[in-house]
Amino acid sequence: MENLLSLVVNATDNCIYVKDQDLRFLFVNSAVSRLYEADAESMIGKSDVDFIASEQSALFNEADRRVIDSGVNECFRFEIEIKGVMYMAEDHKFLVMIDGSRCVAGIGILTPKAG
């Protein structure tokens, strides 16, 4: 069953991730690694700012922190530039408890802006 779940999670173009309370990646699917142009395994333990500009990573971090602190699931919509491409982002974030720690997981849908 775990292999099936891994196949599904990595087959989607949607970004799926889990971050710890310090906003470090615990899991990223292949869509996240393609977006950040990094190997998924090398991303574990690092933060968005290790892969994208700090102004851009701040958009994700602010939303992540809000969900971790409030415990309320939210959908965030914003424009973001990643690796020179402008995207419309819709990021569904939700609280997950891992070993008693508040973490954030999410599914992000990033659509390149025309133009």
Protein backbone atom coordinates (compact mmCIF):
# COMPACT_ATOMS: atom_id res chain seq x y z
CA MET A 1 0.00 0.00 0.00
CA GLU A 2 2.87 2.41 0.80
CA ASN A 3 4.29 1.93 -2.72
CA LEU A 4 0.88 2.71 -4.21
CA LEU A 5 0.59 5.89 -2.17
CA SER A 6 4.11 6.92 -3.21
CA LEU A 7 3.25 6.34 -6.88
CA VAL A 8 0.14 8.51 -6.61
CA VAL A 9 1.81 11.32 -4.64
CA ASN A 10 4.73 11.50 -7.07
CA ALA A 11 2.62 11.23 -10.23
CA THR A 12 0.72 14.46 -9.64
CA ASP A 13 1.86 17.88 -10.87
CA ASN A 14 0.61 19.35 -7.58
CA CYS A 15 3.22 20.12 -4.93
CA ILE A 16 2.81 17.98 -1.81
CA TYR A 17 4.99 18.61 1.22
CA VAL A 18 5.28 18.35 5.00
CA LYS A 19 7.29 20.78 7.12
CA ASP A 20 8.25 20.62 10.78
CA GLN A 21 7.56 23.38 13.33
CA ASP A 22 10.78 25.12 12.24
CA LEU A 23 9.49 25.07 8.62
CA ARG A 24 12.07 22.53 7.46
CA PHE A 25 10.98 19.97 4.91
CA LEU A 26 10.17 16.51 6.23
CA PHE A 27 8.75 15.34 2.90
CA VAL A 28 8.47 16.68 -0.64
CA ASN A 29 7.04 14.98 -3.68
CA SER A 30 8.62 15.06 -7.12
CA ALA A 31 6.61 18.15 -8.15
CA VAL A 32 8.26 20.19 -5.37
CA SER A 33 11.71 18.94 -6.29
CA ARG A 34 11.12 19.84 -9.97
CA LEU A 35 9.82 23.30 -9.03
CA TYR A 36 12.87 24.02 -6.84
CA GLU A 37 15.25 22.23 -9.23
CA ALA A 38 16.62 20.10 -6.41
CA ASP A 39 16.76 16.43 -5.53
CA ALA A 40 13.94 15.52 -3.13
CA GLU A 41 16.28 13.76 -0.69
CA SER A 42 18.60 16.77 -0.54
CA MET A 43 15.64 19.01 0.38
CA ILE A 44 14.86 17.17 3.62
CA GLY A 45 15.88 19.25 6.64
CA LYS A 46 16.11 22.44 4.60
CA SER A 47 13.68 25.35 4.21
CA ASP A 48 12.15 27.18 1.24
CA VAL A 49 14.75 29.94 1.60
CA ASP A 50 17.47 27.40 0.75
CA PHE A 51 15.97 27.11 -2.74
CA ILE A 52 14.18 30.36 -3.58
CA ALA A 53 14.59 34.08 -2.84
CA SER A 54 13.86 35.12 0.73
CA GLU A 55 11.06 37.50 -0.35
CA GLN A 56 9.32 34.62 -2.08
CA SER A 57 9.94 32.05 0.63
CA ALA A 58 8.48 34.51 3.16
CA LEU A 59 5.08 34.12 1.46
CA PHE A 60 5.13 30.38 2.16
CA ASN A 61 6.63 30.74 5.64
CA GLU A 62 4.05 33.27 6.82
CA ALA A 63 1.20 31.01 5.72
CA ASP A 64 2.87 27.89 7.19
CA ARG A 65 3.41 29.58 10.54
CA ARG A 66 -0.18 30.78 10.63
CA VAL A 67 -1.53 27.24 10.20
CA ILE A 68 0.92 25.77 12.73
CA ASP A 69 0.02 28.43 15.30
CA SER A 70 -3.75 28.41 14.76
CA GLY A 71 -4.31 24.75 13.92
CA VAL A 72 -6.86 25.89 11.33
CA ASN A 73 -6.72 24.56 7.78
CA GLU A 74 -6.47 27.33 5.21
CA CYS A 75 -6.20 27.90 1.49
CA PHE A 76 -3.84 30.69 0.48
CA ARG A 77 -3.86 32.32 -2.96
CA PHE A 78 -1.05 34.56 -4.16
CA GLU A 79 1.33 35.33 -7.03
CA ILE A 80 4.89 34.14 -6.63
CA GLU A 81 8.03 34.08 -8.73
CA ILE A 82 10.10 30.91 -8.55
CA LYS A 83 13.23 30.42 -10.63
CA GLY A 84 12.26 33.28 -12.95
CA VAL A 85 8.70 32.07 -13.61
CA MET A 86 5.60 33.85 -12.28
CA TYR A 87 2.92 31.57 -10.89
CA MET A 88 -0.57 31.89 -9.51
CA ALA A 89 -0.43 29.74 -6.39
CA GLU A 90 -3.26 28.09 -4.53
CA ASP A 91 -1.82 26.42 -1.47
CA HIS A 92 -4.01 24.25 0.76
CA LYS A 93 -2.32 23.96 4.15
CA PHE A 94 -3.31 21.85 7.14
CA LEU A 95 -1.95 20.96 10.55
CA VAL A 96 -0.49 17.50 11.13
CA MET A 97 0.83 16.17 14.42
CA ILE A 98 4.06 14.20 14.16
CA ASP A 99 5.52 12.71 17.34
CA GLY A 100 3.62 15.31 19.37
CA SER A 101 4.90 18.26 17.32
CA ARG A 102 2.74 20.65 15.32
CA CYS A 103 3.73 20.44 11.67
CA VAL A 104 2.21 21.75 8.46
CA ALA A 105 1.40 19.78 5.34
CA GLY A 106 0.12 21.11 2.10
CA ILE A 107 -0.93 20.63 -1.46
CA GLY A 108 0.03 23.46 -3.74
CA ILE A 109 -1.34 24.09 -7.18
CA LEU A 110 0.97 26.42 -9.11
CA THR A 111 -0.11 27.63 -12.52
CA PRO A 112 2.35 29.60 -14.68
CA LYS A 113 1.00 33.04 -15.53
CA ALA A 114 0.56 33.79 -19.20
CA GLY A 115 2.49 36.69 -20.53
